[in-house]
Structures are given as C-alpha cells and as structure tokens.
Amino acid sequence: MNSILEKESLEPVYIDAFDLDDAWFQCLSQILEKGHIYTVERGSYKGQKRLEFDFVIVRVRKPSYQIIPIIPEGVSIPAPTDLSYIQGYLSYLLTGEKKESEDYTYGERLVSPKVRLKESANEKEMIKEIPLNVNQIEEVINIYKTEGFGTNQATMEIGLPSDIKLEDPPCLRLIDTRIRYGKLHFILYFRSWDLWGGFPSNLGGLQLVKKYMADEIGVDDGEIIAVSKGLHLYEYSWEWARIRTKR
C-alpha cells in the first residue's frame, strides 16, 4: 500500500472484468497497489482515512453472470452483500418511496423526482417538495421502443444542482444508457463510492434494473461501464481487502 506522495499527476486505472464478482476482486487488488491514502476533511466519515483511486474505469462484460461477491470457504471476512439484500435494493431503485428523514433516494430521483424548497412561515422553516412529474426509467424504455436505438439522449440523472448544499449528496450522479449490438448497456458515474460496502450492492441492484429495462424494450442485457474519481476503501476494511486478495 502506497500513499504515492511523490507523484505529480493522476493515475487512471482501467479494470476489464468478466462479471461483478470479478470486478470487485480486481478493484480490491488494484486499490491496494495504486490507491492514494488521505484523511477525509469534509463529508461522510470526516476524520477517517481512505484509500482511493485517482480515477477508475470498470468495465463489466457479463454483469448478470455472478452479481454478488464470492467469499471463499474458510476466509474469515464478512460478505459485503447478499442476493436477498440486492433484490430488496431493486425495489428501492424502482420506487419513489423514502423516509421522512431522507433528503432523497436513488429510486425517488429515478421514478418520482422532486425539487425541495425551504420556506419560512410563522418563524418556522418548512420543506416544500415540487414533483417534476417524470419517471426516467419508463421514459427511457419508451424512447427506445417508439423512436429506435440511434440516440444519445436516453440518460437518467440522479444529481440536481441543489445537491451541493446537502450534507450527504448522492454518490451516484448519472446513469447513461446505450443500445448497441442488440444489447442494453449502462454507463455510470459515481462522484464517491465505497468499494467494500457500496460497490457490490449498487452494481448488483443496477444490474437488475438494467435487465428489467432490457426485457421491457425487447433487447438483450448488456455490459456495465462504471466511472469514478472517488472509488475508495475506508480504513476498517483494508485488512479484509488484503485477506480477500491474499496480499
């Protein structure tokens, strides 16, 4: 593990993986070798250390083949997710439901986005939500079914300009789509991304969304390409990563 303090330029990393298990394993292996160590000064887990890629592109050729990480028998580390959790996460991504304490959910931003405004009344601050009246998943399906596959406009956005003011803005910002060679592909951008706890569940759930959309459109299920300048491991999981990758 190397803090790379002597470096003067970014080191992009490219991962070419077969399935989601392979992608997770390769990312763990590469981040231990090429990650940059720093202390979080603003944001979630302020004060904790992260090991982070400068920039990473993760291509997953067959994400449906194995969607959860495999922890070999006899390896004494916790599994980062399981199929039951990912199937529940799918429901989270396909509905706009959220708790009163939540500023947003990915599902809300995808299928029932709202703009939140603060208003003052009788010296009391109130939150008003204005629905944008769009289901991005159904809109993308409709675009491809009714207008064909030759477009670069079928993009689903998670981020809003006002997110910059949130204490915990969305990590996933963009789900771009493409149908080429008879398959639906996802191109994702994460501004920040927890490699141990977030990566496996996020990609597993998004793979199920992609499969649902492909079936609705009438095409085959394709690849996932994920991009991030903030894919990281928190210090608590460094030893687990070493054990899993036998480093």
Protein backbone atom coordinates (compact mmCIF):
# COMPACT_ATOMS: atom_id res chain seq x y z
CA MET A 1 0.00 0.00 0.00
CA ASN A 2 1.42 3.33 -1.03
CA SER A 3 0.33 6.91 -0.35
CA ILE A 4 2.07 7.97 -3.59
CA LEU A 5 3.08 11.31 -2.07
CA GLU A 6 5.87 11.70 -4.61
CA LYS A 7 3.51 11.60 -7.60
CA GLU A 8 2.69 14.73 -9.54
CA SER A 9 -0.08 13.50 -11.85
CA LEU A 10 -3.21 11.39 -11.66
CA GLU A 11 -3.00 7.66 -12.35
CA PRO A 12 -6.15 6.42 -14.10
CA VAL A 13 -6.84 2.70 -13.65
CA TYR A 14 -8.75 0.52 -16.11
CA ILE A 15 -10.42 -2.69 -14.90
CA ASP A 16 -11.70 -5.16 -17.51
CA ALA A 17 -13.83 -7.71 -15.67
CA PHE A 18 -15.97 -10.68 -16.64
CA ASP A 19 -18.72 -10.37 -14.00
CA LEU A 20 -19.46 -8.30 -10.88
CA ASP A 21 -17.58 -10.66 -8.56
CA ASP A 22 -14.50 -10.39 -10.78
CA ALA A 23 -14.85 -6.60 -10.94
CA TRP A 24 -14.97 -6.31 -7.14
CA PHE A 25 -11.97 -8.61 -6.68
CA GLN A 26 -9.88 -6.78 -9.29
CA CYS A 27 -10.74 -3.37 -7.79
CA LEU A 28 -9.72 -4.56 -4.32
CA SER A 29 -6.45 -5.88 -5.67
CA GLN A 30 -5.64 -2.75 -7.69
CA ILE A 31 -6.58 -0.25 -4.98
CA LEU A 32 -4.19 -1.89 -2.50
CA GLU A 33 -1.43 -1.36 -5.05
CA LYS A 34 -2.35 2.00 -6.58
CA GLY A 35 -4.61 3.72 -4.07
CA HIS A 36 -3.89 7.12 -2.52
CA ILE A 37 -4.21 7.43 1.26
CA TYR A 38 -5.77 10.58 2.67
CA THR A 39 -7.85 11.79 5.59
CA VAL A 40 -11.42 12.91 4.92
CA GLU A 41 -11.67 16.64 5.69
CA ARG A 42 -15.28 17.17 4.58
CA GLY A 43 -18.17 14.80 4.06
CA SER A 44 -19.19 11.42 5.41
CA TYR A 45 -16.83 9.89 7.98
CA LYS A 46 -14.88 13.11 8.46
CA GLY A 47 -11.53 12.40 10.11
CA GLN A 48 -11.27 8.82 8.83
CA LYS A 49 -8.66 7.57 6.39
CA ARG A 50 -9.49 6.44 2.88
CA LEU A 51 -7.52 4.51 0.29
CA GLU A 52 -8.76 5.82 -3.05
CA PHE A 53 -8.13 5.54 -6.79
CA ASP A 54 -7.23 8.78 -8.55
CA PHE A 55 -9.68 7.76 -11.28
CA VAL A 56 -11.05 4.39 -12.33
CA ILE A 57 -12.99 2.89 -15.21
CA VAL A 58 -14.57 -0.51 -14.50
CA ARG A 59 -15.88 -2.45 -17.48
CA VAL A 60 -18.04 -5.50 -16.66
CA ARG A 61 -18.72 -7.65 -19.71
CA LYS A 62 -21.23 -10.13 -18.23
CA PRO A 63 -22.65 -8.48 -15.09
CA SER A 64 -25.57 -10.91 -14.86
CA TYR A 65 -23.32 -14.00 -14.59
CA GLN A 66 -22.36 -13.54 -10.91
CA ILE A 67 -23.86 -10.45 -9.33
CA ILE A 68 -22.69 -10.89 -5.73
CA PRO A 69 -19.11 -11.25 -4.45
CA ILE A 70 -17.96 -14.76 -3.62
CA ILE A 71 -16.18 -15.17 -0.29
CA PRO A 72 -14.21 -18.46 -0.44
CA GLU A 73 -14.79 -21.09 2.22
CA GLY A 74 -12.53 -20.67 5.21
CA VAL A 75 -11.94 -16.97 4.61
CA SER A 76 -12.93 -15.19 7.83
CA ILE A 77 -14.25 -11.90 6.47
CA PRO A 78 -17.85 -10.66 6.25
CA ALA A 79 -19.64 -10.80 2.91
CA PRO A 80 -20.28 -7.23 1.73
CA THR A 81 -23.78 -8.08 0.46
CA ASP A 82 -26.05 -10.98 -0.46
CA LEU A 83 -28.72 -11.75 -3.05
CA SER A 84 -31.58 -11.03 -0.66
CA TYR A 85 -30.26 -7.54 0.03
CA ILE A 86 -29.76 -6.82 -3.68
CA GLN A 87 -33.28 -7.95 -4.52
CA GLY A 88 -34.56 -5.57 -1.83
CA TYR A 89 -32.31 -2.86 -3.24
CA LEU A 90 -34.03 -3.36 -6.61
CA SER A 91 -37.34 -2.34 -5.03
CA TYR A 92 -35.59 0.72 -3.59
CA LEU A 93 -34.39 1.70 -7.08
CA LEU A 94 -37.78 1.20 -8.77
CA THR A 95 -39.99 3.15 -6.34
CA GLY A 96 -40.08 6.74 -5.16
CA GLU A 97 -40.71 5.88 -1.52
CA LYS A 98 -38.48 7.50 1.10
CA LYS A 99 -38.44 8.11 4.84
CA GLU A 100 -39.32 11.49 6.27
CA SER A 101 -35.72 11.90 7.42
CA GLU A 102 -34.29 11.28 3.92
CA ASP A 103 -33.45 14.12 1.55
CA TYR A 104 -33.68 11.74 -1.41
CA THR A 105 -33.30 8.15 -2.52
CA TYR A 106 -31.93 6.92 -5.84
CA GLY A 107 -35.35 5.43 -6.55
CA GLU A 108 -37.08 8.75 -5.95
CA ARG A 109 -34.68 10.55 -8.29
CA LEU A 110 -35.25 7.90 -10.97
CA VAL A 111 -39.01 7.44 -10.92
CA SER A 112 -40.52 10.34 -8.94
CA PRO A 113 -38.01 13.21 -8.62
CA LYS A 114 -38.88 16.28 -6.60
CA VAL A 115 -37.26 19.65 -6.05
CA ARG A 116 -37.07 20.51 -2.34
CA LEU A 117 -37.52 24.14 -1.32
CA LYS A 118 -37.15 25.68 2.11
CA GLU A 119 -39.88 28.10 3.10
CA SER A 120 -40.35 30.17 6.25
CA ALA A 121 -43.78 30.59 7.81
CA ASN A 122 -44.53 31.99 11.26
CA GLU A 123 -40.82 31.88 12.10
CA LYS A 124 -40.80 28.18 11.26
CA GLU A 125 -38.80 26.63 8.46
CA MET A 126 -40.78 24.26 6.24
CA ILE A 127 -39.70 21.97 3.42
CA LYS A 128 -41.83 22.07 0.28
CA GLU A 129 -41.41 19.41 -2.40
CA ILE A 130 -42.34 20.14 -6.01
CA PRO A 131 -42.75 16.99 -8.16
CA LEU A 132 -41.11 17.04 -11.59
CA ASN A 133 -43.67 14.56 -12.96
CA VAL A 134 -41.27 12.28 -14.76
CA ASN A 135 -40.38 8.59 -14.43
CA GLN A 136 -36.96 8.43 -16.06
CA ILE A 137 -36.87 4.63 -16.28
CA GLU A 138 -40.18 4.46 -18.13
CA GLU A 139 -39.22 7.43 -20.33
CA VAL A 140 -36.01 5.72 -21.46
CA ILE A 141 -37.88 2.49 -22.17
CA ASN A 142 -40.44 4.46 -24.19
CA ILE A 143 -37.77 6.35 -26.17
CA TYR A 144 -36.13 3.13 -27.31
CA LYS A 145 -39.41 1.31 -28.03
CA THR A 146 -41.01 4.12 -30.03
CA GLU A 147 -38.11 6.01 -31.63
CA GLY A 148 -35.40 3.40 -32.13
CA PHE A 149 -31.93 2.85 -30.76
CA GLY A 150 -29.97 5.56 -32.60
CA THR A 151 -29.86 8.19 -29.85
CA ASN A 152 -27.54 9.58 -27.21
CA GLN A 153 -30.37 11.24 -25.26
CA ALA A 154 -31.55 8.32 -23.11
CA THR A 155 -29.81 9.44 -19.93
CA MET A 156 -31.14 9.18 -16.37
CA GLU A 157 -29.88 11.77 -13.91
CA ILE A 158 -29.66 11.32 -10.17
CA GLY A 159 -27.94 14.60 -9.31
CA LEU A 160 -29.53 18.03 -9.01
CA PRO A 161 -27.65 21.36 -8.81
CA SER A 162 -29.03 21.90 -5.30
CA ASP A 163 -27.34 18.71 -4.08
CA ILE A 164 -24.17 20.71 -3.48
CA LYS A 165 -25.88 22.09 -0.36
CA LEU A 166 -26.78 18.69 1.11
CA GLU A 167 -24.81 17.20 3.96
CA ASP A 168 -24.74 13.87 2.13
CA PRO A 169 -25.25 14.47 -1.62
CA PRO A 170 -25.84 11.46 -3.89
CA CYS A 171 -22.79 9.36 -4.74
CA LEU A 172 -24.33 8.02 -7.96
CA ARG A 173 -24.93 11.00 -10.25
CA LEU A 174 -25.64 9.64 -13.72
CA ILE A 175 -26.96 6.51 -15.43
CA ASP A 176 -26.37 6.82 -19.16
CA THR A 177 -27.69 4.13 -21.49
CA ARG A 178 -26.89 2.78 -24.92
CA ILE A 179 -28.35 0.08 -27.10
CA ARG A 180 -25.76 -1.29 -29.45
CA TYR A 181 -25.23 -4.73 -30.99
CA GLY A 182 -28.71 -5.72 -29.79
CA LYS A 183 -27.94 -5.13 -26.08
CA LEU A 184 -28.76 -2.51 -23.46
CA HIS A 185 -25.63 -1.15 -21.74
CA PHE A 186 -25.31 1.10 -18.66
CA ILE A 187 -22.61 3.76 -18.28
CA LEU A 188 -22.48 5.02 -14.69
CA TYR A 189 -20.75 7.89 -12.91
CA PHE A 190 -20.13 7.87 -9.15
CA ARG A 191 -18.61 11.01 -7.60
CA SER A 192 -17.73 8.95 -4.49
CA TRP A 193 -18.07 5.20 -3.97
CA ASP A 194 -17.36 2.84 -1.10
CA LEU A 195 -15.65 -0.18 -2.66
CA TRP A 196 -16.38 -2.54 0.22
CA GLY A 197 -19.95 -1.78 1.22
CA GLY A 198 -21.39 0.20 -1.69
CA PHE A 199 -19.88 -1.16 -4.92
CA PRO A 200 -21.30 -4.73 -4.74
CA SER A 201 -24.84 -3.71 -3.73
CA ASN A 202 -25.01 -0.71 -6.07
CA LEU A 203 -23.89 -2.65 -9.14
CA GLY A 204 -25.96 -5.71 -8.24
CA GLY A 205 -29.11 -3.60 -7.92
CA LEU A 206 -28.40 -1.56 -11.05
CA GLN A 207 -27.78 -4.76 -13.00
CA LEU A 208 -31.27 -5.94 -12.07
CA VAL A 209 -32.70 -2.57 -13.20
CA LYS A 210 -30.84 -2.91 -16.50
CA LYS A 211 -32.17 -6.43 -17.02
CA TYR A 212 -35.72 -5.23 -16.29
CA MET A 213 -35.36 -2.39 -18.81
CA ALA A 214 -33.81 -4.64 -21.46
CA ASP A 215 -36.71 -7.09 -21.13
CA GLU A 216 -39.24 -4.27 -21.41
CA ILE A 217 -37.53 -2.85 -24.51
CA GLY A 218 -37.11 -6.27 -26.10
CA VAL A 219 -33.30 -6.39 -26.33
CA ASP A 220 -30.59 -8.46 -24.68
CA ASP A 221 -28.89 -7.50 -21.43
CA GLY A 222 -25.50 -5.86 -21.98
CA GLU A 223 -22.44 -4.50 -20.19
CA ILE A 224 -21.88 -2.08 -17.33
CA ILE A 225 -19.15 0.54 -17.53
CA ALA A 226 -18.70 2.46 -14.28
CA VAL A 227 -16.53 5.54 -13.88
CA SER A 228 -15.45 7.22 -10.64
CA LYS A 229 -12.86 9.62 -9.28
CA GLY A 230 -13.83 8.58 -5.76
CA LEU A 231 -13.83 4.78 -5.51
CA HIS A 232 -12.36 4.11 -2.07
CA LEU A 233 -11.83 1.80 0.88
CA TYR A 234 -12.22 3.03 4.44
CA GLU A 235 -9.50 2.01 6.89
CA TYR A 236 -11.74 -0.53 8.67
CA SER A 237 -11.84 -2.66 5.51
CA TRP A 238 -8.17 -2.53 4.46
CA GLU A 239 -7.31 -5.77 6.26
CA TRP A 240 -10.39 -7.52 4.84
CA ALA A 241 -9.28 -6.47 1.35
CA ARG A 242 -5.79 -7.90 1.97
CA ILE A 243 -7.28 -11.18 3.20
CA ARG A 244 -9.68 -11.49 0.24
CA THR A 245 -6.95 -10.78 -2.32
CA LYS A 246 -4.26 -12.77 -0.42
CA ARG A 247 -1.95 -9.75 -0.28
